[in-house]
Amino acid sequence: MDKQYFLELLHKYINDKATDEEQQFLVKYYDLFSAEPDVISLLNDDQKAKIKEEIHTSIWENIDKQTDVDKKVIPLKARILKIAAAAIVMGICGIGVLFLHKKSALKPAPLYAAQKQKPNRFLVLPDGSRVILSYGSKLSYASSFDGLTKREVYLTGEAFFDIKHNNLKPFIVHTGKVQTTVLGTAFDVKAVPGDKTISVTVTRGRVKVSNDDKVLGIIVPNQQITFDTQKSTSSQNNIEAKNYTTWIAQNDLSFEDVTFGEAAKILGDRFKVKILFTDQSIQSKHFTSTFARSASLEQELKTICEFNDAFYTYNKAKTAITISSKSSTN
């Protein structure tokens, strides 16, 4: 939000002329501008206390809504902190909304991620594995895999996994009666509630698919195992894996509290380019954003760079992009 616009709304609020919508904007962005001298001078102690109380109420109303929707889904503490901090929201190039924030050092014991809105969601797991979660799907996992003999996650819906290799610690996706075990690979799992089947499709590497009783099969790229949940039978087929992962590009994509480096890997895969960084500090910067499926590579990079004090150069002939820090050129 532009500071001048915030001050205009604040004047209207003081004079009891702000609409309900404008008051909601003030509550949302108050923490962002509350330390500014020209904001402090406008408000008396009672007005400051009132806005603070409205912010507190807004936070807990949001938590209650999340709890009522699904008692099994625990909102991320980091997300609550971001709401409380009222981070900047800005629309860039018509392709989405970007929040800048500091990553919380707090980690919940079990970590639950749920996506109920239309955009697909990009997640980075504690071991560095990457997941694209289809909207309406849920994934639960531990906040850390350290000290565990296995990396286990629990999926309801559909997700694409790109797993970080670890010979000593297998990665297992639980989907009802079916378990998919990998050491390092990329694959799609579909286990949508109400469907009669669970399917596992491999795009890279190798996975083992099992149920409670036996191994259903070991599959490699362009192979798929389909399990009938009612008959407890399975079939294995050769397929074109890319035809089963088109959902990834058919919807908007939401990045939540990911690093620039992690997002760059997804953008590189999506647009078939190599993305390099000259300044390692840029890679570790966190951001949250939602990009429209129609957004171009240049639009997405421009947005992320804008808010990470960076710039990029694009060598189209070599399909290579280099990202650098603006401060390093000064």
Protein backbone atom coordinates (compact mmCIF):
# COMPACT_ATOMS: atom_id res chain seq x y z
CA MET A 1 0.00 0.00 0.00
CA ASP A 2 1.22 3.51 -0.80
CA LYS A 3 1.97 5.51 2.33
CA GLN A 4 0.23 8.64 1.05
CA TYR A 5 -2.97 6.70 0.45
CA PHE A 6 -2.69 5.26 3.96
CA LEU A 7 -2.44 8.78 5.41
CA GLU A 8 -5.49 9.87 3.44
CA LEU A 9 -7.49 6.98 4.85
CA LEU A 10 -6.19 7.77 8.33
CA HIS A 11 -7.49 11.34 8.03
CA LYS A 12 -10.89 10.01 6.99
CA TYR A 13 -10.86 7.60 9.93
CA ILE A 14 -10.10 10.37 12.41
CA ASN A 15 -12.98 12.43 11.01
CA ASP A 16 -15.36 9.43 11.08
CA LYS A 17 -15.64 9.48 7.28
CA ALA A 18 -13.92 6.17 6.46
CA THR A 19 -16.09 3.43 5.01
CA ASP A 20 -16.08 -0.09 6.47
CA GLU A 21 -13.81 -1.22 3.65
CA GLU A 22 -11.39 1.66 4.25
CA GLN A 23 -11.31 0.90 7.97
CA GLN A 24 -10.40 -2.70 7.14
CA PHE A 25 -7.48 -1.40 5.04
CA LEU A 26 -6.29 0.70 7.98
CA VAL A 27 -6.41 -2.27 10.32
CA LYS A 28 -4.54 -4.40 7.82
CA TYR A 29 -1.69 -1.96 7.20
CA TYR A 30 -1.48 -0.10 10.50
CA ASP A 31 1.52 -2.06 11.82
CA LEU A 32 3.40 -1.30 8.63
CA PHE A 33 3.20 2.47 9.08
CA SER A 34 2.64 2.80 12.84
CA ALA A 35 6.26 3.86 13.52
CA GLU A 36 6.17 6.70 11.00
CA PRO A 37 6.29 10.15 12.69
CA ASP A 38 3.50 11.59 10.55
CA VAL A 39 1.26 8.67 11.52
CA ILE A 40 2.06 8.85 15.24
CA SER A 41 1.33 12.59 15.32
CA LEU A 42 -2.14 12.12 13.84
CA LEU A 43 -3.49 9.61 16.38
CA ASN A 44 -4.20 10.03 20.05
CA ASP A 45 -3.69 7.17 22.51
CA ASP A 46 -7.34 6.07 22.38
CA GLN A 47 -7.32 5.87 18.58
CA LYS A 48 -4.08 3.87 18.56
CA ALA A 49 -5.47 1.47 21.15
CA LYS A 50 -8.69 1.04 19.16
CA ILE A 51 -6.87 0.12 15.96
CA LYS A 52 -4.59 -2.26 17.88
CA GLU A 53 -7.64 -3.98 19.38
CA GLU A 54 -9.25 -4.30 15.92
CA ILE A 55 -6.03 -5.89 14.62
CA HIS A 56 -6.04 -8.38 17.51
CA THR A 57 -9.71 -9.23 16.90
CA SER A 58 -9.10 -9.65 13.16
CA ILE A 59 -6.27 -12.13 13.78
CA TRP A 60 -8.32 -14.37 16.05
CA GLU A 61 -11.37 -14.23 13.79
CA ASN A 62 -9.13 -15.52 10.99
CA ILE A 63 -7.84 -18.34 13.22
CA ASP A 64 -11.38 -19.30 14.23
CA LYS A 65 -12.47 -19.45 10.60
CA GLN A 66 -9.60 -21.77 9.74
CA THR A 67 -10.46 -24.02 12.69
CA ASP A 68 -14.17 -24.16 11.81
CA VAL A 69 -13.47 -25.07 8.18
CA ASP A 70 -11.39 -28.11 9.04
CA LYS A 71 -10.64 -29.14 12.63
CA LYS A 72 -7.82 -31.35 11.39
CA VAL A 73 -5.94 -28.53 9.69
CA ILE A 74 -3.70 -26.46 11.94
CA PRO A 75 -2.85 -23.02 10.48
CA LEU A 76 0.87 -22.35 10.12
CA LYS A 77 2.28 -20.20 12.91
CA ALA A 78 4.31 -18.33 10.34
CA ARG A 79 1.12 -17.36 8.54
CA ILE A 80 -0.44 -16.09 11.77
CA LEU A 81 2.64 -13.99 12.41
CA LYS A 82 2.46 -12.53 8.92
CA ILE A 83 -1.19 -11.59 9.44
CA ALA A 84 -0.30 -9.97 12.75
CA ALA A 85 2.51 -8.03 11.12
CA ALA A 86 0.20 -6.81 8.36
CA ALA A 87 2.80 -7.15 5.63
CA ILE A 88 2.80 -5.00 2.47
CA VAL A 89 0.47 -6.11 -0.26
CA MET A 90 1.13 -4.91 -3.80
CA GLY A 91 -0.22 -5.86 -7.21
CA ILE A 92 2.40 -5.90 -9.97
CA CYS A 93 1.77 -6.28 -13.71
CA GLY A 94 -1.65 -7.76 -13.04
CA ILE A 95 -0.09 -11.11 -12.26
CA GLY A 96 -0.54 -11.46 -8.53
CA VAL A 97 0.08 -10.22 -5.03
CA LEU A 98 3.47 -10.14 -3.35
CA PHE A 99 4.16 -9.98 0.40
CA LEU A 100 7.55 -9.14 1.86
CA HIS A 101 8.21 -10.45 5.32
CA LYS A 102 10.82 -11.87 7.62
CA LYS A 103 10.75 -15.63 7.96
CA SER A 104 9.64 -16.68 11.44
CA ALA A 105 12.11 -18.69 13.45
CA LEU A 106 9.24 -20.57 15.10
CA LYS A 107 8.36 -24.03 13.80
CA PRO A 108 5.24 -26.00 14.73
CA ALA A 109 5.69 -29.58 15.88
CA PRO A 110 3.60 -31.24 13.19
CA LEU A 111 3.28 -29.04 10.11
CA TYR A 112 0.03 -29.09 8.17
CA ALA A 113 -0.42 -27.46 4.78
CA ALA A 114 -3.81 -27.12 3.11
CA GLN A 115 -4.77 -25.33 -0.08
CA LYS A 116 -8.46 -24.55 -0.42
CA GLN A 117 -8.24 -21.74 -2.96
CA LYS A 118 -7.93 -22.08 -6.70
CA PRO A 119 -4.16 -21.62 -7.18
CA ASN A 120 -1.88 -24.62 -6.98
CA ARG A 121 0.58 -24.26 -4.13
CA PHE A 122 4.35 -24.65 -4.16
CA LEU A 123 5.91 -26.01 -0.97
CA VAL A 124 9.46 -26.75 0.11
CA LEU A 125 9.70 -29.57 2.65
CA PRO A 126 12.19 -29.56 5.57
CA ASP A 127 14.67 -31.71 3.60
CA GLY A 128 14.60 -29.41 0.57
CA SER A 129 12.23 -31.58 -1.47
CA ARG A 130 9.77 -29.63 -3.59
CA VAL A 131 6.03 -30.17 -3.89
CA ILE A 132 3.34 -28.61 -6.05
CA LEU A 133 0.02 -29.17 -4.31
CA SER A 134 -3.16 -29.12 -6.37
CA TYR A 135 -5.81 -26.72 -5.07
CA GLY A 136 -8.17 -28.36 -2.62
CA SER A 137 -5.48 -30.86 -1.62
CA LYS A 138 -3.83 -31.33 1.77
CA LEU A 139 -0.37 -32.42 2.77
CA SER A 140 0.83 -33.02 6.34
CA TYR A 141 4.41 -33.61 7.42
CA ALA A 142 6.80 -33.10 10.33
CA SER A 143 8.46 -29.73 10.82
CA SER A 144 11.82 -31.52 10.61
CA PHE A 145 13.00 -34.92 9.40
CA ASP A 146 16.12 -34.76 11.56
CA GLY A 147 16.42 -37.76 13.86
CA LEU A 148 13.85 -39.74 11.88
CA THR A 149 14.64 -42.90 9.95
CA LYS A 150 12.06 -42.07 7.27
CA ARG A 151 10.67 -38.94 5.65
CA GLU A 152 6.90 -39.48 5.75
CA VAL A 153 4.13 -37.25 4.42
CA TYR A 154 0.37 -37.74 4.22
CA LEU A 155 -1.52 -36.62 1.12
CA THR A 156 -5.20 -36.09 0.41
CA GLY A 157 -5.80 -34.96 -3.17
CA GLU A 158 -3.11 -34.59 -5.83
CA ALA A 159 0.51 -33.43 -5.69
CA PHE A 160 3.67 -33.47 -7.77
CA PHE A 161 6.80 -34.39 -5.79
CA ASP A 162 10.43 -33.64 -6.66
CA ILE A 163 12.30 -35.45 -3.90
CA LYS A 164 15.79 -34.65 -2.67
CA HIS A 165 17.95 -37.76 -2.82
CA ASN A 166 18.86 -39.45 0.48
CA ASN A 167 19.88 -43.11 0.43
CA LEU A 168 19.74 -43.38 4.20
CA LYS A 169 16.30 -41.89 4.66
CA PRO A 170 13.55 -43.09 2.27
CA PHE A 171 10.71 -40.75 1.41
CA ILE A 172 7.19 -42.20 1.82
CA VAL A 173 3.91 -40.69 0.64
CA HIS A 174 0.88 -42.11 2.48
CA THR A 175 -2.43 -41.97 0.59
CA GLY A 176 -5.01 -44.09 2.37
CA LYS A 177 -4.16 -47.76 1.78
CA VAL A 178 -1.31 -46.97 -0.61
CA GLN A 179 2.27 -46.03 0.23
CA THR A 180 4.72 -44.68 -2.35
CA THR A 181 8.40 -45.04 -1.40
CA VAL A 182 11.27 -43.22 -3.12
CA LEU A 183 14.92 -42.31 -2.52
CA GLY A 184 15.12 -39.39 -4.96
CA THR A 185 12.81 -38.83 -7.91
CA ALA A 186 9.94 -36.84 -9.41
CA PHE A 187 6.44 -38.25 -9.53
CA ASP A 188 2.74 -37.46 -9.33
CA VAL A 189 0.31 -38.94 -6.80
CA LYS A 190 -3.45 -38.61 -7.16
CA ALA A 191 -5.67 -39.69 -4.27
CA VAL A 192 -8.76 -37.50 -4.45
CA PRO A 193 -11.50 -38.19 -1.87
CA GLY A 194 -14.48 -39.82 -3.59
CA ASP A 195 -12.43 -41.31 -6.42
CA LYS A 196 -12.36 -45.09 -6.63
CA THR A 197 -8.69 -45.18 -7.59
CA ILE A 198 -5.29 -43.93 -6.42
CA SER A 199 -2.67 -43.41 -9.11
CA VAL A 200 1.10 -42.92 -9.01
CA THR A 201 2.90 -41.62 -12.11
CA VAL A 202 6.69 -41.33 -12.43
CA THR A 203 8.38 -38.59 -14.46
CA ARG A 204 11.95 -39.19 -13.21
CA GLY A 205 13.69 -41.85 -11.14
CA ARG A 206 12.05 -44.89 -9.60
CA VAL A 207 9.36 -45.52 -6.99
CA LYS A 208 7.94 -48.49 -5.13
CA VAL A 209 4.17 -48.60 -4.63
CA SER A 210 2.67 -50.76 -1.88
CA ASN A 211 -0.52 -51.30 0.06
CA ASP A 212 -0.89 -52.75 3.54
CA ASP A 213 -0.41 -56.30 2.24
CA LYS A 214 2.18 -56.31 -0.54
CA VAL A 215 4.28 -54.45 -3.07
CA LEU A 216 2.08 -53.45 -6.01
CA GLY A 217 5.02 -52.70 -8.28
CA ILE A 218 8.18 -50.72 -8.94
CA ILE A 219 7.82 -48.15 -11.69
CA VAL A 220 10.16 -45.92 -13.70
CA PRO A 221 9.58 -42.84 -15.91
CA ASN A 222 6.45 -42.96 -18.09
CA GLN A 223 4.92 -45.74 -16.04
CA GLN A 224 1.89 -45.60 -13.80
CA ILE A 225 0.29 -47.79 -11.15
CA THR A 226 -3.44 -47.45 -10.50
CA PHE A 227 -4.94 -48.95 -7.35
CA ASP A 228 -8.68 -49.70 -7.08
CA THR A 229 -9.59 -48.82 -3.49
CA GLN A 230 -12.84 -50.81 -3.55
CA LYS A 231 -11.54 -54.05 -5.07
CA SER A 232 -7.99 -53.72 -3.65
CA THR A 233 -6.55 -54.53 -7.07
CA SER A 234 -3.91 -52.68 -9.09
CA SER A 235 -2.70 -52.33 -12.66
CA GLN A 236 0.59 -51.11 -14.10
CA ASN A 237 0.77 -49.36 -17.46
CA ASN A 238 3.17 -47.50 -19.75
CA ILE A 239 1.95 -43.94 -20.28
CA GLU A 240 3.13 -40.45 -21.28
CA ALA A 241 3.80 -38.97 -17.86
CA LYS A 242 3.57 -35.38 -19.12
CA ASN A 243 -0.10 -35.96 -19.94
CA TYR A 244 -0.80 -36.61 -16.27
CA THR A 245 0.91 -33.51 -14.91
CA THR A 246 -0.77 -30.88 -17.09
CA TRP A 247 -2.77 -29.72 -14.05
CA ILE A 248 0.39 -28.04 -12.74
CA ALA A 249 0.32 -25.42 -15.51
CA GLN A 250 -3.46 -25.13 -15.81
CA ASN A 251 -3.95 -23.03 -12.69
CA ASP A 252 -2.33 -20.09 -10.96
CA LEU A 253 0.65 -20.98 -8.80
CA SER A 254 1.03 -19.78 -5.21
CA PHE A 255 4.47 -19.46 -3.61
CA GLU A 256 4.28 -19.18 0.17
CA ASP A 257 7.32 -18.24 2.24
CA VAL A 258 9.81 -19.71 -0.24
CA THR A 259 13.28 -18.49 -1.15
CA PHE A 260 14.12 -16.87 -4.46
CA GLY A 261 16.40 -19.84 -5.19
CA GLU A 262 13.60 -22.35 -4.61
CA ALA A 263 11.21 -20.38 -6.80
CA ALA A 264 13.86 -20.11 -9.52
CA LYS A 265 13.98 -23.91 -9.80
CA ILE A 266 10.24 -24.03 -10.44
CA LEU A 267 10.37 -21.16 -12.94
CA GLY A 268 13.32 -22.81 -14.69
CA ASP A 269 11.39 -26.07 -15.07
CA ARG A 270 8.23 -24.29 -16.15
CA PHE A 271 9.82 -22.11 -18.80
CA LYS A 272 12.68 -24.45 -19.80
CA VAL A 273 15.45 -22.03 -18.90
CA LYS A 274 18.53 -22.13 -16.69
CA ILE A 275 18.50 -19.56 -13.88
CA LEU A 276 21.78 -18.61 -12.22
CA PHE A 277 22.59 -16.25 -9.33
CA THR A 278 25.70 -14.08 -9.08
CA ASP A 279 24.87 -13.08 -5.51
CA GLN A 280 24.14 -16.00 -3.17
CA SER A 281 22.40 -13.74 -0.65
CA ILE A 282 19.61 -13.13 -3.17
CA GLN A 283 18.87 -16.85 -3.33
CA SER A 284 18.04 -17.02 0.37
CA LYS A 285 15.54 -14.13 0.41
CA HIS A 286 11.98 -15.23 1.25
CA PHE A 287 8.79 -14.03 -0.39
CA THR A 288 5.14 -14.96 -0.91
CA SER A 289 3.37 -14.48 -4.22
CA THR A 290 0.66 -15.82 -6.48
CA PHE A 291 1.28 -15.80 -10.23
CA ALA A 292 -1.36 -16.18 -12.91
CA ARG A 293 -0.91 -19.13 -15.24
CA SER A 294 -0.84 -16.67 -18.16
CA ALA A 295 2.04 -14.67 -16.70
CA SER A 296 5.20 -14.63 -18.77
CA LEU A 297 8.63 -15.50 -17.43
CA GLU A 298 9.69 -11.86 -17.70
CA GLN A 299 6.65 -10.72 -15.70
CA GLU A 300 7.28 -13.19 -12.91
CA LEU A 301 11.00 -12.42 -12.71
CA LYS A 302 10.37 -8.68 -12.77
CA THR A 303 7.96 -8.98 -9.84
CA ILE A 304 10.25 -11.11 -7.68
CA CYS A 305 13.34 -9.05 -8.49
CA GLU A 306 11.51 -5.82 -7.75
CA PHE A 307 10.89 -6.84 -4.17
CA ASN A 308 14.22 -8.53 -3.56
CA ASP A 309 16.39 -5.60 -4.68
CA ALA A 310 17.64 -7.56 -7.66
CA PHE A 311 17.70 -7.44 -11.44
CA TYR A 312 18.02 -10.06 -14.16
CA THR A 313 19.53 -10.43 -17.61
CA TYR A 314 18.05 -12.86 -20.11
CA ASN A 315 20.16 -14.49 -22.80
CA LYS A 316 17.42 -15.94 -25.00
CA ALA A 317 19.89 -17.52 -27.39
CA LYS A 318 21.30 -19.62 -24.55
CA THR A 319 17.96 -19.81 -22.68
CA ALA A 320 19.86 -18.64 -19.61
CA ILE A 321 18.93 -16.05 -17.00
CA THR A 322 21.34 -14.40 -14.58
CA ILE A 323 20.04 -12.74 -11.42
CA SER A 324 22.17 -10.21 -9.53
CA SER A 325 21.78 -7.94 -6.55
CA LYS A 326 21.25 -4.24 -7.32
CA SER A 327 23.43 -3.35 -4.34
CA SER A 328 26.38 -5.23 -5.84
CA THR A 329 26.41 -2.85 -8.81
CA ASN A 330 26.53 0.28 -6.69
